[in-house]
Protein backbone atom coordinates (compact mmCIF):
# COMPACT_ATOMS: atom_id res chain seq x y z
CA MET A 1 -0.06 0.04 0.02
CA LEU A 2 2.84 2.43 0.96
CA LEU A 3 4.80 1.61 -2.29
CA ASP A 4 1.57 2.23 -4.34
CA LYS A 5 1.33 5.63 -2.69
CA ILE A 6 5.08 6.50 -3.13
CA ILE A 7 4.71 5.32 -6.90
CA GLY A 8 1.61 7.61 -7.25
CA TRP A 9 3.54 10.44 -6.19
CA PHE A 10 6.11 10.02 -8.87
CA SER A 11 3.90 9.29 -11.81
CA HIS A 12 1.14 11.16 -13.83
CA ASP A 13 -2.00 8.75 -13.86
CA ILE A 14 -4.00 9.38 -17.19
CA SER A 15 -7.62 8.78 -17.82
CA ILE A 16 -8.34 8.26 -21.73
CA ASP A 17 -11.63 8.70 -23.51
CA LEU A 18 -10.96 6.65 -26.60
CA GLY A 19 -13.71 7.34 -28.90
CA THR A 20 -14.64 6.78 -32.15
CA ALA A 21 -14.78 10.70 -33.32
CA ASN A 22 -12.47 12.06 -30.60
CA THR A 23 -9.83 10.92 -27.99
CA ILE A 24 -9.99 13.24 -24.92
CA VAL A 25 -6.97 12.39 -22.18
CA ILE A 26 -6.95 13.77 -18.54
CA VAL A 27 -3.96 13.68 -16.63
CA LYS A 28 -4.61 13.27 -12.79
CA GLY A 29 -4.60 16.89 -10.72
CA GLN A 30 -4.35 18.68 -14.33
CA GLY A 31 -7.69 18.25 -16.24
CA VAL A 32 -8.08 17.98 -19.78
CA ILE A 33 -4.45 17.93 -21.43
CA ILE A 34 -5.68 16.69 -24.95
CA ASN A 35 -9.23 16.54 -26.85
CA GLU A 36 -8.49 15.56 -30.46
CA PRO A 37 -10.27 13.96 -33.57
CA SER A 38 -9.18 9.99 -33.49
CA VAL A 39 -7.46 10.15 -36.75
CA VAL A 40 -3.97 9.13 -37.85
CA ALA A 41 -2.53 10.04 -41.33
CA VAL A 42 0.55 7.89 -42.12
CA ARG A 43 2.84 7.82 -45.66
CA SER A 44 3.76 4.41 -46.98
CA GLU A 45 7.33 3.55 -46.77
CA LYS A 46 9.64 0.72 -48.26
CA TYR A 47 9.33 -2.84 -46.88
CA GLY A 48 5.49 -2.38 -46.09
CA LYS A 49 6.26 0.35 -43.17
CA ASN A 50 4.36 3.31 -42.48
CA LYS A 51 5.58 6.84 -41.27
CA ILE A 52 3.28 8.83 -39.26
CA LEU A 53 2.74 12.32 -40.46
CA ALA A 54 -0.01 13.76 -38.20
CA VAL A 55 -2.55 12.77 -35.58
CA GLY A 56 -5.44 14.41 -34.31
CA HIS A 57 -6.63 17.65 -35.82
CA GLU A 58 -3.76 18.16 -38.33
CA ALA A 59 -4.57 14.36 -39.38
CA LYS A 60 -8.52 15.18 -39.64
CA GLU A 61 -7.78 17.95 -41.87
CA MET A 62 -6.37 15.26 -44.39
CA VAL A 63 -9.39 13.17 -44.63
CA GLY A 64 -10.27 12.74 -48.07
CA LYS A 65 -7.95 14.89 -49.37
CA THR A 66 -4.71 12.47 -49.65
CA PRO A 67 -2.66 11.61 -52.59
CA GLY A 68 -2.08 7.76 -53.02
CA SER A 69 0.93 7.62 -50.74
CA ILE A 70 -0.54 9.06 -47.84
CA LEU A 71 -3.52 7.48 -45.77
CA ALA A 72 -5.74 9.18 -43.16
CA VAL A 73 -7.54 6.67 -41.36
CA ARG A 74 -9.72 6.57 -38.02
CA PRO A 75 -8.56 3.48 -36.15
CA MET A 76 -11.76 2.95 -33.96
CA LYS A 77 -14.65 1.98 -35.67
CA ASP A 78 -18.22 1.50 -33.94
CA GLY A 79 -16.70 1.76 -30.70
CA VAL A 80 -13.81 -1.20 -31.10
CA ILE A 81 -10.26 -1.09 -32.33
CA ALA A 82 -10.51 -1.91 -36.11
CA ASP A 83 -6.99 -1.41 -36.57
CA PHE A 84 -4.67 -2.35 -33.73
CA ASP A 85 -1.19 -1.06 -35.26
CA MET A 86 -2.71 2.53 -35.90
CA THR A 87 -4.53 2.73 -32.50
CA GLN A 88 -1.42 1.77 -30.57
CA LYS A 89 0.19 4.50 -32.35
CA MET A 90 -2.22 6.99 -31.42
CA ILE A 91 -2.67 6.06 -27.95
CA ARG A 92 1.34 6.06 -27.75
CA HIS A 93 1.25 9.76 -29.53
CA PHE A 94 -1.31 10.95 -27.16
CA ILE A 95 0.30 9.74 -24.10
CA GLU A 96 3.82 10.85 -24.76
CA LYS A 97 1.94 14.28 -25.44
CA ALA A 98 0.26 14.26 -22.45
CA HIS A 99 2.94 13.05 -20.13
CA LYS A 100 6.02 14.90 -21.80
CA ARG A 101 8.58 12.60 -19.77
CA LYS A 102 7.56 14.63 -16.46
CA SER A 103 7.97 11.47 -14.48
CA LEU A 104 10.43 8.65 -14.39
CA MET A 105 7.43 5.96 -13.58
CA ARG A 106 5.08 4.75 -16.24
CA PRO A 107 1.66 5.97 -15.86
CA ARG A 108 -1.43 3.92 -14.67
CA ILE A 109 -4.10 4.29 -17.02
CA ILE A 110 -7.71 4.02 -17.22
CA VAL A 111 -9.31 3.48 -20.48
CA CYS A 112 -13.06 4.10 -21.16
CA VAL A 113 -14.55 1.30 -23.57
CA PRO A 114 -18.15 0.57 -24.72
CA TYR A 115 -20.33 -1.76 -23.09
CA GLY A 116 -20.48 -5.20 -24.20
CA LEU A 117 -16.63 -5.46 -25.43
CA THR A 118 -15.78 -9.13 -26.28
CA GLY A 119 -12.76 -10.39 -24.44
CA VAL A 120 -10.50 -10.06 -27.54
CA GLU A 121 -11.74 -6.33 -27.74
CA ARG A 122 -10.83 -5.84 -24.18
CA LYS A 123 -7.49 -7.31 -24.62
CA ALA A 124 -6.72 -5.05 -27.75
CA VAL A 125 -7.38 -2.07 -25.93
CA ARG A 126 -5.21 -3.28 -22.60
CA GLU A 127 -2.53 -4.06 -25.08
CA SER A 128 -2.51 -0.86 -27.03
CA ALA A 129 -2.25 1.10 -23.89
CA ILE A 130 0.34 -1.17 -22.12
CA SER A 131 2.38 -1.25 -25.47
CA ALA A 132 2.06 2.65 -25.63
CA GLY A 133 3.74 3.07 -21.83
CA ALA A 134 1.48 2.22 -19.42
CA ARG A 135 2.53 0.54 -16.24
CA GLU A 136 -1.02 -0.37 -15.24
CA VAL A 137 -4.25 -0.42 -17.25
CA PHE A 138 -7.98 -0.56 -15.91
CA LEU A 139 -10.91 -0.19 -18.10
CA ILE A 140 -14.39 1.35 -17.39
CA GLU A 141 -17.60 1.02 -19.43
CA GLU A 142 -18.96 4.10 -21.06
CA PRO A 143 -22.31 4.35 -19.61
CA MET A 144 -20.87 4.33 -16.04
CA ALA A 145 -18.18 6.93 -16.81
CA ALA A 146 -20.95 9.08 -18.30
CA ALA A 147 -23.02 8.76 -15.41
CA ILE A 148 -20.19 9.79 -13.20
CA GLY A 149 -19.54 12.47 -15.39
CA VAL A 150 -22.61 13.90 -15.57
CA GLY A 151 -22.90 13.96 -11.60
CA LEU A 152 -25.55 11.29 -11.40
CA PRO A 153 -26.13 9.38 -7.62
CA VAL A 154 -24.19 6.31 -9.02
CA LYS A 155 -23.40 4.77 -5.48
CA GLU A 156 -27.04 5.53 -3.95
CA PRO A 157 -29.65 3.15 -4.40
CA LYS A 158 -31.65 5.30 -6.83
CA GLY A 159 -31.91 4.43 -10.56
CA SER A 160 -30.41 6.79 -13.07
CA LEU A 161 -30.89 6.46 -16.78
CA VAL A 162 -27.72 7.62 -19.01
CA VAL A 163 -28.10 7.51 -22.94
CA ASP A 164 -24.36 8.50 -24.35
CA ILE A 165 -24.58 9.33 -27.86
CA GLY A 166 -20.88 8.89 -29.42
CA GLY A 167 -19.54 8.76 -32.76
CA GLY A 168 -19.51 4.90 -33.15
CA THR A 169 -22.04 3.62 -30.16
CA THR A 170 -24.93 4.95 -28.49
CA GLU A 171 -24.75 3.51 -24.85
CA ILE A 172 -27.83 3.13 -22.83
CA GLY A 173 -27.33 2.45 -18.97
CA VAL A 174 -29.27 2.08 -16.01
CA ILE A 175 -27.11 2.73 -12.91
CA SER A 176 -27.76 2.14 -9.16
CA LEU A 177 -25.42 1.10 -6.16
CA GLY A 178 -22.35 1.70 -8.36
CA GLY A 179 -23.14 -0.90 -11.13
CA LEU A 180 -24.96 -1.50 -14.09
CA VAL A 181 -28.47 -2.83 -13.71
CA ILE A 182 -29.28 -2.96 -17.47
CA SER A 183 -27.24 -1.57 -20.22
CA LYS A 184 -27.48 -1.63 -23.84
CA SER A 185 -24.67 -0.95 -26.83
CA LEU A 186 -26.00 0.27 -30.03
CA ARG A 187 -23.73 0.67 -33.29
CA THR A 188 -26.01 3.58 -34.12
CA ALA A 189 -24.70 7.13 -33.63
CA GLY A 190 -22.85 10.12 -34.81
CA ASP A 191 -20.99 8.34 -37.72
CA LYS A 192 -24.36 6.76 -38.77
CA LEU A 193 -26.24 9.98 -38.85
CA ASP A 194 -23.44 11.73 -40.97
CA ASN A 195 -23.71 8.72 -43.27
CA ALA A 196 -27.30 9.20 -43.55
CA VAL A 197 -27.08 12.65 -44.67
CA VAL A 198 -24.48 11.73 -47.24
CA GLU A 199 -27.02 9.12 -48.67
CA TYR A 200 -29.85 11.37 -48.37
CA VAL A 201 -28.32 14.35 -50.40
CA ARG A 202 -27.11 11.90 -53.10
CA ARG A 203 -30.43 10.19 -53.40
CA LYS A 204 -32.56 13.42 -53.37
CA TYR A 205 -30.32 15.95 -55.07
CA SER A 206 -27.75 13.45 -57.24
CA LEU A 207 -25.31 15.40 -55.24
CA LEU A 208 -22.08 13.39 -54.12
CA ILE A 209 -20.56 14.74 -50.33
CA GLY A 210 -18.02 13.16 -48.38
CA GLU A 211 -18.54 12.13 -44.81
CA ARG A 212 -16.68 15.03 -43.19
CA THR A 213 -19.10 17.43 -45.07
CA GLY A 214 -22.09 15.32 -43.76
CA GLU A 215 -20.64 15.86 -40.38
CA ILE A 216 -20.39 19.47 -41.04
CA ILE A 217 -24.41 19.63 -42.04
CA LYS A 218 -25.33 17.68 -39.36
CA ILE A 219 -23.70 20.03 -36.63
CA GLU A 220 -24.59 23.35 -38.59
CA ILE A 221 -28.66 22.64 -39.33
CA GLY A 222 -29.07 19.06 -37.96
CA SER A 223 -32.30 19.19 -36.05
CA ALA A 224 -34.49 15.89 -34.45
CA ILE A 225 -37.32 18.08 -34.56
CA SER A 226 -39.26 20.46 -36.83
CA LEU A 227 -38.00 24.05 -36.11
CA ASP A 228 -40.26 27.35 -36.08
CA LYS A 229 -37.86 28.86 -38.15
CA PRO A 230 -35.68 26.20 -40.47
CA LEU A 231 -32.12 26.50 -41.22
CA THR A 232 -30.37 26.59 -44.26
CA MET A 233 -27.00 25.86 -45.59
CA GLN A 234 -25.16 25.99 -48.89
CA VAL A 235 -23.68 22.69 -49.64
CA LYS A 236 -21.18 22.07 -52.36
CA GLY A 237 -20.17 18.65 -54.04
CA ARG A 238 -20.14 16.82 -57.30
CA ASP A 239 -23.21 16.13 -59.70
CA GLN A 240 -23.59 12.66 -59.64
CA VAL A 241 -25.56 13.11 -63.33
CA SER A 242 -23.38 15.64 -65.24
CA GLY A 243 -20.05 15.03 -63.52
CA LEU A 244 -19.66 18.73 -62.91
CA LEU A 245 -19.22 20.69 -59.50
CA ASN A 246 -22.72 22.02 -57.99
CA THR A 247 -24.31 24.08 -55.02
CA ILE A 248 -27.44 23.19 -53.57
CA GLU A 249 -29.27 24.69 -50.51
CA LEU A 250 -30.29 22.51 -47.48
CA THR A 251 -32.44 22.91 -45.07
CA SER A 252 -32.80 21.72 -41.67
CA GLU A 253 -36.13 19.56 -42.56
CA ASP A 254 -33.69 17.87 -45.11
CA VAL A 255 -31.68 16.71 -42.58
CA ARG A 256 -34.26 15.78 -40.31
CA GLU A 257 -35.79 13.39 -42.81
CA ALA A 258 -32.47 12.17 -43.80
CA MET A 259 -31.80 11.24 -39.74
CA LYS A 260 -35.24 9.76 -39.18
CA GLU A 261 -34.02 6.14 -39.48
CA PRO A 262 -30.92 6.27 -37.29
CA LEU A 263 -32.87 8.29 -34.54
CA LYS A 264 -35.63 5.82 -34.65
CA GLU A 265 -33.40 3.03 -33.87
CA ILE A 266 -31.79 4.82 -30.84
CA SER A 267 -35.31 5.54 -29.50
CA ASN A 268 -36.42 1.98 -29.96
CA ALA A 269 -33.13 0.93 -28.07
CA LEU A 270 -34.01 3.23 -25.47
CA LYS A 271 -37.75 1.79 -25.18
CA ASP A 272 -36.53 -1.70 -24.88
CA VAL A 273 -33.95 -0.78 -22.02
CA LEU A 274 -37.37 0.84 -20.35
CA GLU A 275 -39.34 -2.25 -21.21
CA GLN A 276 -36.96 -4.30 -19.12
CA MET A 277 -36.91 -1.74 -16.06
CA PRO A 278 -37.52 -3.19 -12.52
CA PRO A 279 -40.63 -1.72 -11.16
CA ASP A 280 -39.10 -0.20 -8.14
CA LEU A 281 -36.22 1.39 -10.46
CA ALA A 282 -38.66 2.56 -12.96
CA GLY A 283 -40.45 4.67 -10.50
CA ASP A 284 -36.98 6.51 -9.89
CA ILE A 285 -36.31 7.25 -13.71
CA VAL A 286 -39.98 8.54 -13.94
CA GLU A 287 -38.98 11.07 -11.16
CA ASN A 288 -35.61 11.77 -12.10
CA GLY A 289 -35.71 11.47 -15.90
CA ILE A 290 -33.13 10.29 -18.71
CA VAL A 291 -29.86 12.40 -19.23
CA LEU A 292 -28.34 12.64 -22.49
CA THR A 293 -24.64 12.94 -22.92
CA GLY A 294 -22.16 12.69 -25.89
CA GLY A 295 -21.68 14.76 -28.99
CA GLY A 296 -25.27 13.41 -30.45
CA ALA A 297 -26.90 14.85 -27.48
CA LEU A 298 -25.77 18.37 -29.19
CA ILE A 299 -28.46 17.33 -32.08
CA ARG A 300 -31.23 20.28 -31.67
CA GLY A 301 -34.40 18.80 -30.34
CA LEU A 302 -33.24 15.55 -29.37
CA ASP A 303 -34.34 15.99 -25.83
CA LYS A 304 -37.76 16.83 -26.78
CA TYR A 305 -37.75 14.03 -29.56
CA LEU A 306 -37.31 11.35 -27.22
CA SER A 307 -38.95 12.85 -24.65
CA GLU A 308 -42.26 12.36 -26.76
CA ILE A 309 -41.50 8.87 -27.53
CA VAL A 310 -41.00 7.40 -24.04
CA LYS A 311 -43.42 9.95 -22.28
CA LEU A 312 -40.47 10.89 -19.63
CA PRO A 313 -38.58 14.22 -19.01
CA VAL A 314 -35.24 13.94 -21.10
CA TYR A 315 -32.49 16.45 -19.99
CA VAL A 316 -29.19 17.04 -21.86
CA GLY A 317 -25.95 16.93 -19.56
CA GLU A 318 -23.83 19.87 -18.92
CA GLU A 319 -20.81 20.05 -21.41
CA PRO A 320 -22.07 16.65 -23.00
CA LEU A 321 -19.17 16.13 -25.32
CA LEU A 322 -17.02 15.62 -21.91
CA CYS A 323 -19.22 14.05 -19.50
CA VAL A 324 -17.49 10.60 -20.39
CA ALA A 325 -14.05 12.09 -20.17
CA LYS A 326 -14.80 13.44 -16.84
CA GLY A 327 -16.20 10.67 -15.31
CA THR A 328 -13.40 8.51 -16.34
CA GLY A 329 -11.19 11.21 -14.83
CA LYS A 330 -13.03 11.21 -11.57
CA ALA A 331 -12.83 7.33 -11.58
CA LEU A 332 -9.15 7.95 -11.63
CA GLU A 333 -9.23 10.50 -8.73
CA GLU A 334 -11.10 7.86 -6.22
CA ILE A 335 -9.08 4.73 -6.41
CA ASP A 336 -11.80 2.77 -4.64
CA ILE A 337 -14.15 4.19 -7.37
CA LEU A 338 -12.08 2.70 -10.02
CA GLN A 339 -11.27 -0.69 -8.68
CA GLN A 340 -14.86 -1.22 -8.15
CA LEU A 341 -15.97 -0.09 -11.64
CA SER A 342 -13.01 -1.33 -13.92
CA TYR A 343 -12.72 -4.69 -14.84
CA GLU A 344 -9.83 -6.59 -16.37
């Protein structure tokens, strides 16, 4: 115990929200150090080797714009590691950037992962962190981290329901007495919404746009409900028929129609969780409502949209983009929570 404390004084422990869209790194006692896109840009070298050119914001600027010798990839897909080697390089880059060789001791690291990862996927996350320089690795599930980060009473005998809509997965969790009573992970989230916008524009306007443009459209004018005053946006792309470049005007009603099916999948998953709810916990949820976190919570009117479907109050958490990262950081601050909630 004393040795652990001494080691703790000389190491800078780190928590990582390893998201499909963004990676957020918190250093114990210092707060958020890194908040960058989960993107790596590499150049192909001789003998099949790849040289890292950029990670994070700089790499994201390259997506869809690279020549044949350069590849900008997102190593996380649907909340899990799709490219182990790239993920390892990305984690190592962020750890070294956060740690800055301030300590001789390797840091302990807690990584936030989607609920329901397989043993192989959990092992891949742990090995990525260890090979990137971690002394010890803990994992915590996203619904629990989101609930802690938004300030829900996770340790008390009260039911709390959180819906975390990230880039790759939507995590729905019912928490009571420090554990997940019911949890559901859905691989319909921000990326699926972006793709739905891209496909809608292609089908309706015969205009080809990239995923990044689809994301910008979602953020700028996306809405889950009809707005009193529709928003509009000029969208540039390549006409599918003529092959020439073209510009169209897209409205928030267009985007709402495009996102209708993915949002319906999320609402159906939420209804499934509510149907499995133990009666005593159901009373707590009726009283306290549902909390939305993650980047998807920022979609205009999503709280009202879900509230109308499930007939319960729905709230957007404070700083929804950072809720999971903050919860992971709080778990790192309190070692008893860390040991109770993390798993090997």
